[in-house]
Amino acid sequence: MPAAVSPEVCAFTVPEFCEAHRISKALLYSLWNEGKGPKSLVLNARRLITHEAAEEWRRSLETKSFEPCKDVAPNRKRSA
């Protein structure tokens, strides 16, 4: 008989997800409102993010190309 797995092992709560990804709850909810947050599920009025959904979300961020800001001048050394 397989061992029981606690829900904490399978999915993050919102506070756990935010702590693990070093973001605020406000940012996470803002991302969800913009359609850019991780997929989630609601069980008994509790929102959870599976580890697979968190990984998929991180990978979607990694694949975005980086384009440096053209408005910002490169760092220059200050003269003493």
C-alpha atoms as a PDB file:
ATOM      1  CA  MET A   1       0.000   0.000   0.000  1.00  0.00           C
ATOM      2  CA  PRO A   2       1.536   3.401  -0.976  1.00  0.00           C
ATOM      3  CA  ALA A   3       2.436   5.839   1.761  1.00  0.00           C
ATOM      4  CA  ALA A   4       0.094   8.796   2.284  1.00  0.00           C
ATOM      5  CA  VAL A   5       1.351  12.087   0.889  1.00  0.00           C
ATOM      6  CA  SER A   6       0.412  15.277   2.667  1.00  0.00           C
ATOM      7  CA  PRO A   7      -0.987  18.161   0.545  1.00  0.00           C
ATOM      8  CA  GLU A   8       1.988  20.362   1.523  1.00  0.00           C
ATOM      9  CA  VAL A   9       4.239  18.004  -0.421  1.00  0.00           C
ATOM     10  CA  CYS A  10       2.087  18.168  -3.571  1.00  0.00           C
ATOM     11  CA  ALA A  11       1.206  21.854  -3.715  1.00  0.00           C
ATOM     12  CA  PHE A  12       2.075  25.290  -2.376  1.00  0.00           C
ATOM     13  CA  THR A  13      -0.335  27.470  -0.445  1.00  0.00           C
ATOM     14  CA  VAL A  14      -0.239  31.114  -1.560  1.00  0.00           C
ATOM     15  CA  PRO A  15       2.094  32.134   1.317  1.00  0.00           C
ATOM     16  CA  GLU A  16       4.375  29.124   0.673  1.00  0.00           C
ATOM     17  CA  PHE A  17       4.525  29.893  -3.045  1.00  0.00           C
ATOM     18  CA  CYS A  18       5.342  33.542  -2.394  1.00  0.00           C
ATOM     19  CA  GLU A  19       8.066  32.673   0.101  1.00  0.00           C
ATOM     20  CA  ALA A  20       9.587  30.027  -2.184  1.00  0.00           C
ATOM     21  CA  HIS A  21       9.615  32.413  -5.168  1.00  0.00           C
ATOM     22  CA  ARG A  22      10.533  35.529  -3.176  1.00  0.00           C
ATOM     23  CA  ILE A  23       7.562  37.567  -4.299  1.00  0.00           C
ATOM     24  CA  SER A  24       4.815  39.332  -2.365  1.00  0.00           C
ATOM     25  CA  LYS A  25       1.217  38.168  -2.242  1.00  0.00           C
ATOM     26  CA  ALA A  26       0.237  41.491  -3.830  1.00  0.00           C
ATOM     27  CA  LEU A  27       2.504  40.784  -6.810  1.00  0.00           C
ATOM     28  CA  LEU A  28       1.156  37.250  -7.179  1.00  0.00           C
ATOM     29  CA  TYR A  29      -2.463  38.453  -7.202  1.00  0.00           C
ATOM     30  CA  SER A  30      -1.518  41.208  -9.640  1.00  0.00           C
ATOM     31  CA  LEU A  31       0.033  38.582 -11.953  1.00  0.00           C
ATOM     32  CA  TRP A  32      -3.127  36.483 -11.737  1.00  0.00           C
ATOM     33  CA  ASN A  33      -5.266  39.530 -12.554  1.00  0.00           C
ATOM     34  CA  GLU A  34      -3.096  40.140 -15.649  1.00  0.00           C
ATOM     35  CA  GLY A  35      -3.311  36.471 -16.679  1.00  0.00           C
ATOM     36  CA  LYS A  36       0.436  36.032 -16.087  1.00  0.00           C
ATOM     37  CA  GLY A  37       0.456  34.059 -12.836  1.00  0.00           C
ATOM     38  CA  PRO A  38       0.819  30.329 -12.303  1.00  0.00           C
ATOM     39  CA  LYS A  39      -2.152  28.027 -12.752  1.00  0.00           C
ATOM     40  CA  SER A  40      -3.908  27.309  -9.476  1.00  0.00           C
ATOM     41  CA  LEU A  41      -6.754  25.301  -8.042  1.00  0.00           C
ATOM     42  CA  VAL A  42      -9.232  26.007  -5.273  1.00  0.00           C
ATOM     43  CA  LEU A  43     -10.128  23.369  -2.709  1.00  0.00           C
ATOM     44  CA  ASN A  44     -12.468  24.299   0.139  1.00  0.00           C
ATOM     45  CA  ALA A  45     -11.896  28.028  -0.493  1.00  0.00           C
ATOM     46  CA  ARG A  46      -8.121  27.486  -0.322  1.00  0.00           C
ATOM     47  CA  ARG A  47      -6.051  28.368  -3.377  1.00  0.00           C
ATOM     48  CA  LEU A  48      -3.182  25.975  -4.134  1.00  0.00           C
ATOM     49  CA  ILE A  49      -0.429  25.945  -6.751  1.00  0.00           C
ATOM     50  CA  THR A  50       0.901  22.533  -7.655  1.00  0.00           C
ATOM     51  CA  HIS A  51       4.641  22.083  -7.963  1.00  0.00           C
ATOM     52  CA  GLU A  52       4.118  21.268 -11.638  1.00  0.00           C
ATOM     53  CA  ALA A  53       2.210  24.517 -12.205  1.00  0.00           C
ATOM     54  CA  ALA A  54       4.935  26.471 -10.402  1.00  0.00           C
ATOM     55  CA  GLU A  55       7.605  24.858 -12.582  1.00  0.00           C
ATOM     56  CA  GLU A  56       5.611  25.539 -15.757  1.00  0.00           C
ATOM     57  CA  TRP A  57       5.203  29.192 -14.720  1.00  0.00           C
ATOM     58  CA  ARG A  58       8.948  29.561 -14.005  1.00  0.00           C
ATOM     59  CA  ARG A  59       9.826  28.007 -17.362  1.00  0.00           C
ATOM     60  CA  SER A  60       7.480  30.411 -19.146  1.00  0.00           C
ATOM     61  CA  LEU A  61       9.384  33.293 -17.564  1.00  0.00           C
ATOM     62  CA  GLU A  62      12.767  31.815 -18.489  1.00  0.00           C
ATOM     63  CA  THR A  63      11.915  31.562 -22.175  1.00  0.00           C
ATOM     64  CA  LYS A  64      11.145  35.242 -22.535  1.00  0.00           C
ATOM     65  CA  SER A  65      13.919  37.098 -24.311  1.00  0.00           C
ATOM     66  CA  PHE A  66      15.805  39.818 -22.519  1.00  0.00           C
ATOM     67  CA  GLU A  67      16.108  43.162 -24.214  1.00  0.00           C
ATOM     68  CA  PRO A  68      18.119  45.813 -22.374  1.00  0.00           C
ATOM     69  CA  CYS A  69      16.533  49.179 -21.742  1.00  0.00           C
ATOM     70  CA  LYS A  70      17.635  51.705 -24.304  1.00  0.00           C
ATOM     71  CA  ASP A  71      16.752  54.660 -22.079  1.00  0.00           C
ATOM     72  CA  VAL A  72      19.334  53.850 -19.429  1.00  0.00           C
ATOM     73  CA  ALA A  73      22.926  54.980 -19.878  1.00  0.00           C
ATOM     74  CA  PRO A  74      25.627  52.423 -19.031  1.00  0.00           C
ATOM     75  CA  ASN A  75      27.235  52.702 -15.617  1.00  0.00           C
ATOM     76  CA  ARG A  76      30.186  55.032 -15.602  1.00  0.00           C
ATOM     77  CA  LYS A  77      32.909  55.278 -13.013  1.00  0.00           C
ATOM     78  CA  ARG A  78      32.812  58.463 -11.042  1.00  0.00           C
ATOM     79  CA  SER A  79      35.975  60.494 -10.932  1.00  0.00           C
ATOM     80  CA  ALA A  80      37.476  60.973  -7.491  1.00  0.00           C
END
